[in-house]
């Protein structure tokens, strides 16, 4: 079905204008009412379950006719003529689509209902071939020519030269093969030299039929409109692959982070339970199977030799029946952790403890500021650190980029992909995670380091972690940053080709820092 938006776009690219005639708008050989709605949604409509609103064809045609006017002047002129206006957020996008600068738009609703246009005759503006130069042929004449051609095609071909038809008198004068050869030569010469008057007339009639079919074909091709292309058919705007793809990405992320659940050996499945503390019973009560720990020797067991804390675990049947003294109370296993051991370890030593059979992640961690005033945020951290290209946070927001709680970037080094974990909330890091922190981006204020180790002292923090500060080259350096041991990365506001060289210094400092201070990490 003809789409008014795509038809208007095709004619606008060809430099043709839509014609307003009464209450209708004529585009080529199609006509719609002025207030017919296209499938281009108005900015802000359809969100949060609200009703969808679409621009009318009259609104878009009026925009194309006044495209050279500034937006305020265009709005006043449209209001004077009581025509709906195109909002400022949609103006740039819809003009790019109608001018052919973009092939599609996110605001185009493929499922919107479309009104069937009224098909009209070819207008006088379209060039038409001169009918005076061509002879007019009636249907009866064309049918007669077709019947003659059909009769010729159905007629049997001229019989081939048969030896049996040779008369007996000729056979006496020459051989049968010689007579057949002469007759074949005569027939071949006749086909090339003799042309009857009927054949001449038939040739002109055939040319007439071909010209007539060509006119009909041109008329059919002129009415065709391209609805879908190989590019637009692949744009699935309504499809969401979040559920299927994100599950795979989360699994890969967990594996890279080293959070995969370790295999528990069978021997550790029977870990003895720690004994509960003894309850102090105020008065003597009756037997209770759930308070075995409360009995005290023979007084509480009515003279029976019952050990409430005893167990037969690890004993054989013979030792149980003979009353062997192999029963030994299990000593509770307490983890050998101390406040000193749980604190941040000395740089250069692996935080892996020989007493704990647990896989520890070796992925380095990079901390960036959580405020949006910083040049590096969770919106553009992946482009800056992985692709070495600066993209402003405001630009990423306009593109609809979602903010993640943490990002896993991959850096290519010596042909190997090395993962780095990027976060902006250091409060959720454990003491073991702080051993993997290799870089922190500094904004300037000292309150940024609230909740950091070393009591949040920037001088002590920067002696253990590599610090960086990103700023524009024309901006003044912050006073605190100038006093601290911070590596300053300067970027240009407009010269994006200089980003790669400036951001490569970050990875050079990180590689040297990890090799010197934290060689147990991957880098």
Protein backbone atom coordinates (compact mmCIF):
# COMPACT_ATOMS: atom_id res chain seq x y z
CA UNK A 1 0.00 0.00 0.00
CA UNK A 2 1.25 3.48 -0.87
CA UNK A 3 2.71 5.25 2.15
CA UNK A 4 2.26 9.07 2.09
CA UNK A 5 5.53 9.64 3.98
CA UNK A 6 7.69 7.53 1.62
CA UNK A 7 5.93 8.91 -1.49
CA UNK A 8 6.55 12.47 -0.27
CA UNK A 9 10.21 11.59 0.38
CA UNK A 10 10.68 10.14 -3.13
CA UNK A 11 9.18 13.15 -4.86
CA UNK A 12 11.10 15.58 -2.65
CA UNK A 13 14.40 13.87 -3.54
CA UNK A 14 13.50 14.14 -7.24
CA UNK A 15 12.86 17.87 -6.80
CA UNK A 16 9.08 17.65 -7.34
CA UNK A 17 6.57 19.42 -5.14
CA UNK A 18 3.24 18.26 -3.82
CA UNK A 19 0.18 20.01 -5.25
CA UNK A 20 -2.57 21.27 -2.95
CA UNK A 21 -5.95 21.15 -4.63
CA UNK A 22 -8.92 21.97 -2.45
CA UNK A 23 -8.93 19.71 0.59
CA UNK A 24 -6.57 17.22 -1.03
CA UNK A 25 -2.83 16.99 -1.54
CA UNK A 26 -1.75 15.40 -4.83
CA UNK A 27 1.64 13.70 -5.04
CA UNK A 28 2.18 12.21 -8.46
CA UNK A 29 -0.83 10.06 -9.25
CA UNK A 30 -1.95 9.65 -5.62
CA UNK A 31 -4.14 11.99 -3.63
CA UNK A 32 -4.75 12.18 0.13
CA UNK A 33 -6.76 14.41 2.36
CA UNK A 34 -4.77 17.23 3.95
CA UNK A 35 -5.37 16.02 7.49
CA UNK A 36 -4.37 12.41 6.76
CA UNK A 37 -1.84 11.12 9.32
CA UNK A 38 1.52 9.72 8.31
CA UNK A 39 3.42 7.08 10.27
CA UNK A 40 5.97 9.58 11.71
CA UNK A 41 5.38 9.90 15.47
CA UNK A 42 5.43 13.24 17.27
CA UNK A 43 8.30 13.64 19.75
CA UNK A 44 7.29 12.49 23.26
CA UNK A 45 4.14 10.63 22.23
CA UNK A 46 3.68 6.93 22.92
CA UNK A 47 5.91 6.92 26.03
CA UNK A 48 4.86 5.29 29.31
CA UNK A 49 1.87 3.66 27.62
CA UNK A 50 0.45 6.94 26.32
CA UNK A 51 -1.41 7.37 23.04
CA UNK A 52 0.66 7.78 19.89
CA UNK A 53 0.31 10.95 17.83
CA UNK A 54 1.47 11.33 14.23
CA UNK A 55 2.26 14.28 11.95
CA UNK A 56 -0.24 15.04 9.19
CA UNK A 57 0.67 15.18 5.52
CA UNK A 58 -0.25 18.89 5.37
CA UNK A 59 2.16 19.58 8.25
CA UNK A 60 5.11 17.94 6.44
CA UNK A 61 4.33 19.57 3.09
CA UNK A 62 4.17 23.00 4.76
CA UNK A 63 7.55 22.33 6.42
CA UNK A 64 9.19 21.50 3.07
CA UNK A 65 7.80 24.67 1.49
CA UNK A 66 9.15 26.82 4.37
CA UNK A 67 12.34 24.93 5.11
CA UNK A 68 14.51 28.02 4.63
CA UNK A 69 12.74 29.94 7.40
CA UNK A 70 14.02 29.92 10.95
CA UNK A 71 12.04 27.80 13.36
CA UNK A 72 10.31 30.66 15.25
CA UNK A 73 9.23 32.34 11.98
CA UNK A 74 8.02 28.98 10.64
CA UNK A 75 5.97 28.36 13.79
CA UNK A 76 4.30 31.78 13.58
CA UNK A 77 3.44 31.34 9.92
CA UNK A 78 2.03 27.85 10.51
CA UNK A 79 -0.07 29.11 13.42
CA UNK A 80 -1.40 31.92 11.24
CA UNK A 81 -2.59 29.40 8.65
CA UNK A 82 -3.91 27.00 11.33
CA UNK A 83 -1.50 24.20 10.32
CA UNK A 84 0.16 21.84 12.87
CA UNK A 85 3.86 22.49 13.35
CA UNK A 86 6.84 20.14 13.51
CA UNK A 87 8.47 20.38 16.93
CA UNK A 88 12.07 21.45 17.23
CA UNK A 89 13.39 18.01 18.42
CA UNK A 90 11.87 16.38 15.29
CA UNK A 91 12.80 19.07 12.77
CA UNK A 92 16.39 18.00 12.05
CA UNK A 93 15.60 14.28 11.92
CA UNK A 94 12.52 14.55 9.70
CA UNK A 95 14.23 16.92 7.24
CA UNK A 96 17.17 14.54 6.96
CA UNK A 97 14.78 11.70 6.13
CA UNK A 98 12.71 13.67 3.60
CA UNK A 99 15.84 14.98 1.84
CA UNK A 100 17.32 11.49 1.53
CA UNK A 101 20.22 12.10 3.93
CA UNK A 102 19.06 9.18 6.10
CA UNK A 103 17.37 5.97 5.00
CA UNK A 104 15.19 5.54 8.09
CA UNK A 105 14.25 7.05 11.45
CA UNK A 106 13.46 5.68 14.90
CA UNK A 107 10.29 7.80 14.99
CA UNK A 108 8.73 5.99 11.99
CA UNK A 109 6.11 3.53 13.22
CA UNK A 110 5.91 0.60 10.79
CA UNK A 111 2.77 -0.70 12.49
CA UNK A 112 0.80 2.57 12.21
CA UNK A 113 -2.50 2.38 10.27
CA UNK A 114 -2.31 4.04 6.87
CA UNK A 115 -5.12 5.50 4.81
CA UNK A 116 -5.63 4.19 1.28
CA UNK A 117 -4.94 6.98 -1.25
CA UNK A 118 -7.15 7.99 -4.12
CA UNK A 119 -5.57 7.17 -7.46
CA UNK A 120 -5.97 9.85 -10.09
CA UNK A 121 -5.10 10.10 -13.77
CA UNK A 122 -1.69 11.20 -14.97
CA UNK A 123 -1.30 14.94 -14.51
CA UNK A 124 -0.38 17.30 -17.29
CA UNK A 125 2.99 18.03 -15.66
CA UNK A 126 4.27 14.55 -16.38
CA UNK A 127 5.86 14.23 -19.81
CA UNK A 128 3.88 12.04 -22.16
CA UNK A 129 4.84 10.81 -25.56
CA UNK A 130 3.18 12.50 -28.49
CA UNK A 131 0.28 10.39 -29.64
CA UNK A 132 0.13 12.18 -32.99
CA UNK A 133 3.38 10.60 -34.16
CA UNK A 134 2.11 7.08 -33.52
CA UNK A 135 -0.63 5.50 -35.60
CA UNK A 136 -3.64 4.42 -33.66
CA UNK A 137 -4.51 0.76 -33.97
CA UNK A 138 -7.87 -0.69 -33.17
CA UNK A 139 -8.31 -3.77 -31.10
CA UNK A 140 -9.71 -5.68 -34.10
CA UNK A 141 -6.61 -4.96 -36.15
CA UNK A 142 -4.31 -6.13 -33.36
CA UNK A 143 -6.36 -9.26 -32.90
CA UNK A 144 -6.22 -10.03 -36.64
CA UNK A 145 -2.43 -9.76 -36.65
CA UNK A 146 -2.20 -12.04 -33.66
CA UNK A 147 -4.43 -14.61 -35.35
CA UNK A 148 -2.24 -14.60 -38.47
CA UNK A 149 0.87 -15.16 -36.38
CA UNK A 150 -0.79 -17.98 -34.48
CA UNK A 151 -1.85 -19.64 -37.75
CA UNK A 152 1.68 -19.48 -39.10
CA UNK A 153 3.10 -20.95 -35.95
CA UNK A 154 0.57 -23.78 -35.94
CA UNK A 155 1.00 -24.57 -39.68
CA UNK A 156 3.17 -27.61 -40.46
CA UNK A 157 6.61 -26.87 -41.76
CA UNK A 158 7.52 -27.56 -45.38
CA UNK A 159 8.20 -31.20 -45.80
CA UNK A 160 11.78 -32.14 -45.87
CA UNK A 161 13.30 -33.54 -48.98
CA UNK A 162 12.19 -37.14 -49.29
CA UNK A 163 13.85 -39.58 -51.60
CA UNK A 164 10.58 -41.39 -52.19
CA UNK A 165 9.10 -38.36 -54.00
CA UNK A 166 11.68 -38.44 -56.73
CA UNK A 167 10.10 -39.34 -59.99
CA UNK A 168 11.16 -42.38 -61.87
CA UNK A 169 12.25 -40.44 -64.99
CA UNK A 170 14.78 -38.30 -63.07
CA UNK A 171 16.15 -41.31 -61.31
CA UNK A 172 17.11 -42.74 -64.64
CA UNK A 173 19.10 -39.62 -65.61
CA UNK A 174 20.98 -39.09 -62.30
CA UNK A 175 21.35 -40.71 -58.95
CA UNK A 176 18.84 -40.24 -56.17
CA UNK A 177 21.39 -38.56 -53.87
CA UNK A 178 22.23 -35.96 -56.55
CA UNK A 179 18.58 -35.04 -57.06
CA UNK A 180 18.04 -34.60 -53.32
CA UNK A 181 21.10 -32.33 -53.08
CA UNK A 182 19.85 -30.07 -55.90
CA UNK A 183 16.40 -29.75 -54.32
CA UNK A 184 17.86 -28.87 -50.94
CA UNK A 185 19.94 -26.09 -52.47
CA UNK A 186 16.89 -24.64 -54.21
CA UNK A 187 14.88 -24.57 -51.00
CA UNK A 188 17.66 -22.87 -49.03
CA UNK A 189 18.07 -20.20 -51.72
CA UNK A 190 14.32 -19.63 -51.79
CA UNK A 191 14.21 -18.93 -48.07
CA UNK A 192 16.87 -16.20 -48.35
CA UNK A 193 15.87 -14.43 -51.57
CA UNK A 194 12.08 -14.57 -51.82
CA UNK A 195 9.95 -12.39 -49.52
CA UNK A 196 6.28 -12.05 -50.17
CA UNK A 197 4.17 -8.93 -49.73
CA UNK A 198 2.41 -10.53 -46.78
CA UNK A 199 5.67 -10.83 -44.92
CA UNK A 200 6.39 -7.11 -45.36
CA UNK A 201 3.01 -6.13 -43.95
CA UNK A 202 3.41 -8.63 -41.16
CA UNK A 203 6.73 -7.02 -40.13
CA UNK A 204 5.11 -3.62 -39.67
CA UNK A 205 2.26 -5.22 -37.74
CA UNK A 206 4.73 -6.96 -35.42
CA UNK A 207 6.44 -3.64 -34.76
CA UNK A 208 3.08 -2.14 -33.95
CA UNK A 209 2.27 -4.87 -31.44
CA UNK A 210 5.67 -4.44 -29.75
CA UNK A 211 5.20 -0.67 -29.47
CA UNK A 212 1.74 -1.16 -27.99
CA UNK A 213 3.05 -3.64 -25.40
CA UNK A 214 5.92 -1.30 -24.58
CA UNK A 215 3.50 1.54 -23.79
CA UNK A 216 1.46 -0.67 -21.51
CA UNK A 217 4.61 -1.86 -19.73
CA UNK A 218 5.84 1.70 -19.20
CA UNK A 219 2.52 2.67 -17.67
CA UNK A 220 2.67 -0.26 -15.26
CA UNK A 221 6.29 0.44 -14.25
CA UNK A 222 5.50 4.12 -13.62
CA UNK A 223 2.91 3.11 -11.03
CA UNK A 224 5.29 0.87 -9.06
CA UNK A 225 6.65 2.12 -5.73
CA UNK A 226 9.49 0.61 -3.76
CA UNK A 227 8.14 -0.44 -0.36
CA UNK A 228 11.00 -2.39 1.22
CA UNK A 229 14.67 -2.77 0.40
CA UNK A 230 17.28 -5.28 1.52
CA UNK A 231 18.43 -2.76 4.13
CA UNK A 232 15.09 -1.74 5.62
CA UNK A 233 13.88 -5.34 5.88
CA UNK A 234 16.70 -6.05 8.35
CA UNK A 235 15.78 -3.14 10.64
CA UNK A 236 13.69 -4.90 13.28
CA UNK A 237 12.61 -1.93 15.42
CA UNK A 238 10.11 -3.95 17.43
CA UNK A 239 12.43 -6.84 18.33
CA UNK A 240 14.19 -6.99 21.69
CA UNK A 241 17.12 -9.38 22.12
CA UNK A 242 17.89 -8.32 25.68
CA UNK A 243 16.71 -11.52 27.37
CA UNK A 244 18.67 -13.90 25.15
CA UNK A 245 21.83 -11.86 24.57
CA UNK A 246 22.26 -10.38 28.05
CA UNK A 247 22.22 -13.84 29.64
CA UNK A 248 25.20 -14.86 27.50
CA UNK A 249 27.02 -11.59 28.19
CA UNK A 250 26.50 -11.94 31.95
CA UNK A 251 27.88 -15.48 31.86
CA UNK A 252 30.97 -14.30 29.99
CA UNK A 253 31.35 -11.39 32.39
CA UNK A 254 31.18 -13.67 35.43
CA UNK A 255 33.77 -15.96 33.93
CA UNK A 256 36.09 -13.04 33.18
CA UNK A 257 35.59 -11.63 36.66
CA UNK A 258 36.46 -14.98 38.21
CA UNK A 259 33.10 -15.23 39.96
CA UNK A 260 32.39 -18.70 38.68
CA UNK A 261 31.40 -21.00 41.54
CA UNK A 262 34.40 -23.23 42.39
CA UNK A 263 34.09 -27.00 42.38
CA UNK A 264 33.61 -28.22 45.97
CA UNK A 265 35.55 -31.45 46.72
CA UNK A 266 33.50 -34.33 48.10
CA UNK A 267 35.48 -34.31 51.36
CA UNK A 268 34.40 -30.77 52.15
CA UNK A 269 30.71 -31.60 51.83
CA UNK A 270 30.73 -33.23 55.32
CA UNK A 271 32.01 -30.23 57.24
CA UNK A 272 31.07 -30.66 60.93
CA UNK A 273 28.63 -28.16 62.33
CA UNK A 274 29.88 -25.84 65.04
CA UNK A 275 28.47 -26.61 68.49
CA UNK A 276 25.84 -24.24 69.74
CA UNK A 277 26.46 -22.30 72.94
CA UNK A 278 25.29 -23.93 76.17
CA UNK A 279 22.03 -22.56 77.46
CA UNK A 280 21.75 -21.72 81.13
CA UNK A 281 18.61 -23.42 82.43
CA UNK A 282 17.08 -21.73 85.41
CA UNK A 283 15.11 -24.72 86.63
CA UNK A 284 15.14 -28.43 86.01
CA UNK A 285 12.88 -29.46 83.22
CA UNK A 286 11.90 -32.70 81.59
CA UNK A 287 13.68 -34.42 78.74
CA UNK A 288 13.71 -32.47 75.50
CA UNK A 289 15.27 -33.89 72.36
CA UNK A 290 15.97 -30.41 71.01
CA UNK A 291 17.92 -29.30 74.10
CA UNK A 292 20.58 -31.97 74.31
CA UNK A 293 23.28 -29.39 74.83
CA UNK A 294 21.68 -28.24 78.06
CA UNK A 295 22.34 -31.47 80.01
CA UNK A 296 25.26 -31.52 82.39
CA UNK A 297 26.75 -34.92 83.04
CA UNK A 298 25.03 -37.61 85.05
CA UNK A 299 22.87 -35.20 87.00
CA UNK A 300 21.04 -34.11 83.87
CA UNK A 301 20.90 -37.60 82.29
CA UNK A 302 19.39 -39.39 85.27
CA UNK A 303 22.54 -41.45 85.88
CA UNK A 304 22.87 -42.74 82.33
CA UNK A 305 26.19 -42.39 80.56
CA UNK A 306 24.96 -40.15 77.82
CA UNK A 307 27.26 -37.71 76.05
CA UNK A 308 25.00 -35.10 74.37
CA UNK A 309 27.97 -33.77 72.40
CA UNK A 310 29.25 -37.16 71.29
CA UNK A 311 29.19 -38.54 67.77
CA UNK A 312 29.81 -41.82 65.97
CA UNK A 313 31.23 -40.11 62.92
CA UNK A 314 34.40 -41.84 61.70
CA UNK A 315 33.88 -44.96 63.87
CA UNK A 316 33.44 -48.53 62.69
CA UNK A 317 30.62 -50.80 63.78
CA UNK A 318 33.00 -52.92 65.84
CA UNK A 319 34.30 -49.95 67.81
CA UNK A 320 30.73 -48.81 68.50
CA UNK A 321 29.55 -52.20 69.75
CA UNK A 322 32.67 -52.81 71.88
CA UNK A 323 32.45 -49.37 73.41
CA UNK A 324 35.87 -48.27 72.20
CA UNK A 325 37.11 -44.92 73.30
CA UNK A 326 37.56 -43.74 69.76
CA UNK A 327 34.83 -41.24 70.24
CA UNK A 328 36.47 -37.86 70.23
CA UNK A 329 34.62 -34.59 70.23
CA UNK A 330 35.21 -32.70 67.06
CA UNK A 331 37.11 -29.48 67.50
CA UNK A 332 35.36 -26.68 65.68
CA UNK A 333 37.22 -25.25 62.73
CA UNK A 334 37.37 -21.52 62.93
CA UNK A 335 38.66 -19.41 60.10
CA UNK A 336 42.10 -18.01 60.84
CA UNK A 337 41.26 -14.47 59.92
CA UNK A 338 42.36 -11.48 61.89
CA UNK A 339 41.78 -7.77 61.42
CA UNK A 340 45.34 -7.43 60.24
CA UNK A 341 44.96 -10.15 57.63
CA UNK A 342 41.67 -8.76 56.33
CA UNK A 343 43.14 -5.34 55.67
CA UNK A 344 44.82 -4.30 52.45
CA UNK A 345 47.96 -6.31 51.85
CA UNK A 346 51.36 -5.04 50.85
CA UNK A 347 51.53 -4.14 47.13
CA UNK A 348 53.38 -6.69 45.07
CA UNK A 349 52.10 -9.72 47.00
CA UNK A 350 49.20 -11.83 45.86
CA UNK A 351 46.15 -11.68 48.16
CA UNK A 352 45.60 -15.44 47.74
CA UNK A 353 45.71 -17.14 51.17
CA UNK A 354 46.96 -20.75 51.37
CA UNK A 355 44.29 -21.54 54.00
CA UNK A 356 41.35 -20.75 51.70
CA UNK A 357 40.70 -22.94 48.68
CA UNK A 358 38.93 -20.27 46.68
CA UNK A 359 39.61 -18.85 43.26
CA UNK A 360 40.51 -15.17 43.48
CA UNK A 361 39.94 -12.85 40.52
CA UNK A 362 43.00 -11.34 38.85
CA UNK A 363 41.06 -8.76 36.81
CA UNK A 364 42.28 -5.18 37.43
CA UNK A 365 39.77 -2.55 38.60
CA UNK A 366 39.54 1.08 37.47
CA UNK A 367 37.51 3.61 39.51
CA UNK A 368 35.96 6.64 37.80
CA UNK A 369 34.00 9.54 39.37
CA UNK A 370 30.28 9.10 39.88
CA UNK A 371 29.36 12.71 39.06
CA UNK A 372 28.23 13.81 35.61
CA UNK A 373 30.49 16.89 35.72
CA UNK A 374 33.53 14.71 35.09
CA UNK A 375 34.73 14.23 31.52
CA UNK A 376 34.92 10.46 32.02
CA UNK A 377 31.67 8.82 33.20
CA UNK A 378 29.94 5.47 32.92
CA UNK A 379 28.38 6.68 29.65
CA UNK A 380 31.63 7.19 27.73
CA UNK A 381 34.20 5.16 29.71
CA UNK A 382 34.15 2.27 27.23
CA UNK A 383 34.78 4.54 24.22
CA UNK A 384 37.60 6.41 26.00
CA UNK A 385 39.48 3.49 27.56
CA UNK A 386 38.78 0.73 25.03
CA UNK A 387 38.37 2.56 21.71
CA UNK A 388 40.64 5.53 22.69
CA UNK A 389 38.05 8.01 21.41
CA UNK A 390 36.42 10.75 23.47
CA UNK A 391 32.65 11.16 23.23
CA UNK A 392 30.91 13.74 25.44
CA UNK A 393 28.47 12.49 28.07
CA UNK A 394 25.70 14.75 26.73
CA UNK A 395 26.10 13.26 23.25
CA UNK A 396 25.84 9.71 24.61
CA UNK A 397 22.65 10.63 26.48
CA UNK A 398 21.10 12.04 23.31
CA UNK A 399 21.90 8.76 21.55
CA UNK A 400 19.87 6.91 24.18
CA UNK A 401 22.82 5.13 25.83
CA UNK A 402 21.90 3.42 29.08
CA UNK A 403 24.04 3.88 32.19
CA UNK A 404 25.46 0.63 33.60
CA UNK A 405 26.52 0.06 37.19
CA UNK A 406 29.82 -1.35 36.02
CA UNK A 407 31.55 -1.96 32.69
CA UNK A 408 33.93 -4.66 31.52
CA UNK A 409 36.31 -3.35 28.88
CA UNK A 410 38.88 -5.31 26.88
CA UNK A 411 42.29 -4.01 25.96
CA UNK A 412 44.30 -5.60 23.16
CA UNK A 413 47.94 -6.01 24.27
CA UNK A 414 50.45 -8.15 22.40
CA UNK A 415 47.65 -9.93 20.56
CA UNK A 416 45.86 -10.88 23.82
CA UNK A 417 42.58 -9.42 25.10
CA UNK A 418 42.95 -8.32 28.75
CA UNK A 419 39.75 -7.47 30.69
CA UNK A 420 39.46 -4.45 33.01
CA UNK A 421 36.56 -3.78 35.37
CA UNK A 422 35.35 -0.16 35.49
CA UNK A 423 33.14 1.04 38.38
CA UNK A 424 32.04 4.38 39.84
CA UNK A 425 30.94 3.22 43.31
CA UNK A 426 34.00 2.16 45.39
CA UNK A 427 31.89 1.57 48.51
CA UNK A 428 30.87 -1.89 47.27
CA UNK A 429 34.47 -3.09 47.00
CA UNK A 430 35.72 -5.63 49.53
CA UNK A 431 39.24 -5.54 51.04
CA UNK A 432 40.27 -8.25 48.55
CA UNK A 433 38.89 -6.14 45.68
CA UNK A 434 40.93 -3.11 46.73
CA UNK A 435 44.08 -5.13 46.06
CA UNK A 436 43.03 -5.20 42.38
CA UNK A 437 42.41 -1.44 42.04
CA UNK A 438 45.08 -0.08 39.69
CA UNK A 439 43.74 3.35 38.66
CA UNK A 440 41.42 6.08 39.92
CA UNK A 441 40.24 9.15 38.01
CA UNK A 442 40.28 12.33 40.10
CA UNK A 443 37.86 15.25 39.80
CA UNK A 444 39.54 17.63 42.29
CA UNK A 445 37.51 17.84 45.54
CA UNK A 446 38.84 15.80 48.45
CA UNK A 447 35.36 14.52 49.38
CA UNK A 448 35.55 12.21 46.37
CA UNK A 449 37.70 9.83 48.45
CA UNK A 450 35.20 9.37 51.28
CA UNK A 451 34.95 5.65 52.00
CA UNK A 452 38.37 4.88 50.48
CA UNK A 453 41.01 3.00 52.50
CA UNK A 454 43.86 4.82 54.27
CA UNK A 455 41.16 6.95 55.96
CA UNK A 456 40.45 8.68 52.65
CA UNK A 457 43.80 10.53 52.59
CA UNK A 458 44.55 11.35 48.91
CA UNK A 459 48.33 11.39 49.50
CA UNK A 460 48.35 7.84 50.90
CA UNK A 461 45.86 6.62 48.28
CA UNK A 462 47.92 7.92 45.36
CA UNK A 463 51.03 6.23 46.74
CA UNK A 464 49.30 2.86 46.33
CA UNK A 465 47.03 3.51 43.32
CA UNK A 466 47.82 5.24 40.03
CA UNK A 467 45.77 8.48 39.74
CA UNK A 468 44.65 10.37 36.60
CA UNK A 469 42.81 13.60 35.83
CA UNK A 470 41.11 14.37 32.46
CA UNK A 471 40.48 17.95 31.39
CA UNK A 472 40.16 20.12 28.28
CA UNK A 473 43.39 21.75 27.16
CA UNK A 474 42.04 25.31 27.57
CA UNK A 475 40.70 24.72 31.12
CA UNK A 476 42.62 25.76 34.22
CA UNK A 477 44.08 22.95 36.30
CA UNK A 478 42.41 22.38 39.67
CA UNK A 479 44.44 23.47 42.70
CA UNK A 480 44.18 20.13 44.53
CA UNK A 481 45.12 18.18 41.41
CA UNK A 482 48.20 20.34 40.98
CA UNK A 483 49.37 19.44 44.53
CA UNK A 484 48.71 15.69 44.27
CA UNK A 485 50.68 13.00 42.42
CA UNK A 486 48.19 12.81 39.55
CA UNK A 487 48.82 12.24 35.84
CA UNK A 488 46.96 14.89 33.82
CA UNK A 489 45.43 13.92 30.42
CA UNK A 490 44.50 16.92 28.25
CA UNK A 491 41.92 16.60 25.47
CA UNK A 492 40.82 19.01 22.77
CA UNK A 493 37.18 20.06 22.42
CA UNK A 494 37.16 19.79 18.62
CA UNK A 495 40.26 17.89 17.43
CA UNK A 496 39.18 14.29 17.86
CA UNK A 497 42.17 12.93 15.94
CA UNK A 498 44.38 13.80 18.93
CA UNK A 499 42.39 11.63 21.38
CA UNK A 500 44.23 8.39 20.67
CA UNK A 501 47.69 9.78 21.39
CA UNK A 502 46.51 11.48 24.61
CA UNK A 503 44.66 8.42 25.94
CA UNK A 504 47.51 6.01 25.10
CA UNK A 505 49.53 7.64 27.89
CA UNK A 506 46.95 6.24 30.33
CA UNK A 507 47.72 2.64 29.33
CA UNK A 508 51.48 3.27 29.35
CA UNK A 509 51.29 4.43 32.97
CA UNK A 510 48.99 1.54 33.93
CA UNK A 511 51.29 -1.11 32.41
CA UNK A 512 54.31 0.28 34.21
CA UNK A 513 52.41 0.52 37.52
CA UNK A 514 51.05 -3.05 37.41
CA UNK A 515 54.41 -4.51 36.41
CA UNK A 516 56.07 -2.76 39.35
CA UNK A 517 53.47 -2.84 42.14
CA UNK A 518 50.90 -5.54 41.31
CA UNK A 519 52.44 -8.19 39.06
CA UNK A 520 49.98 -10.85 40.23
CA UNK A 521 47.20 -9.18 38.17
CA UNK A 522 46.53 -9.76 34.49
CA UNK A 523 47.85 -7.02 32.22
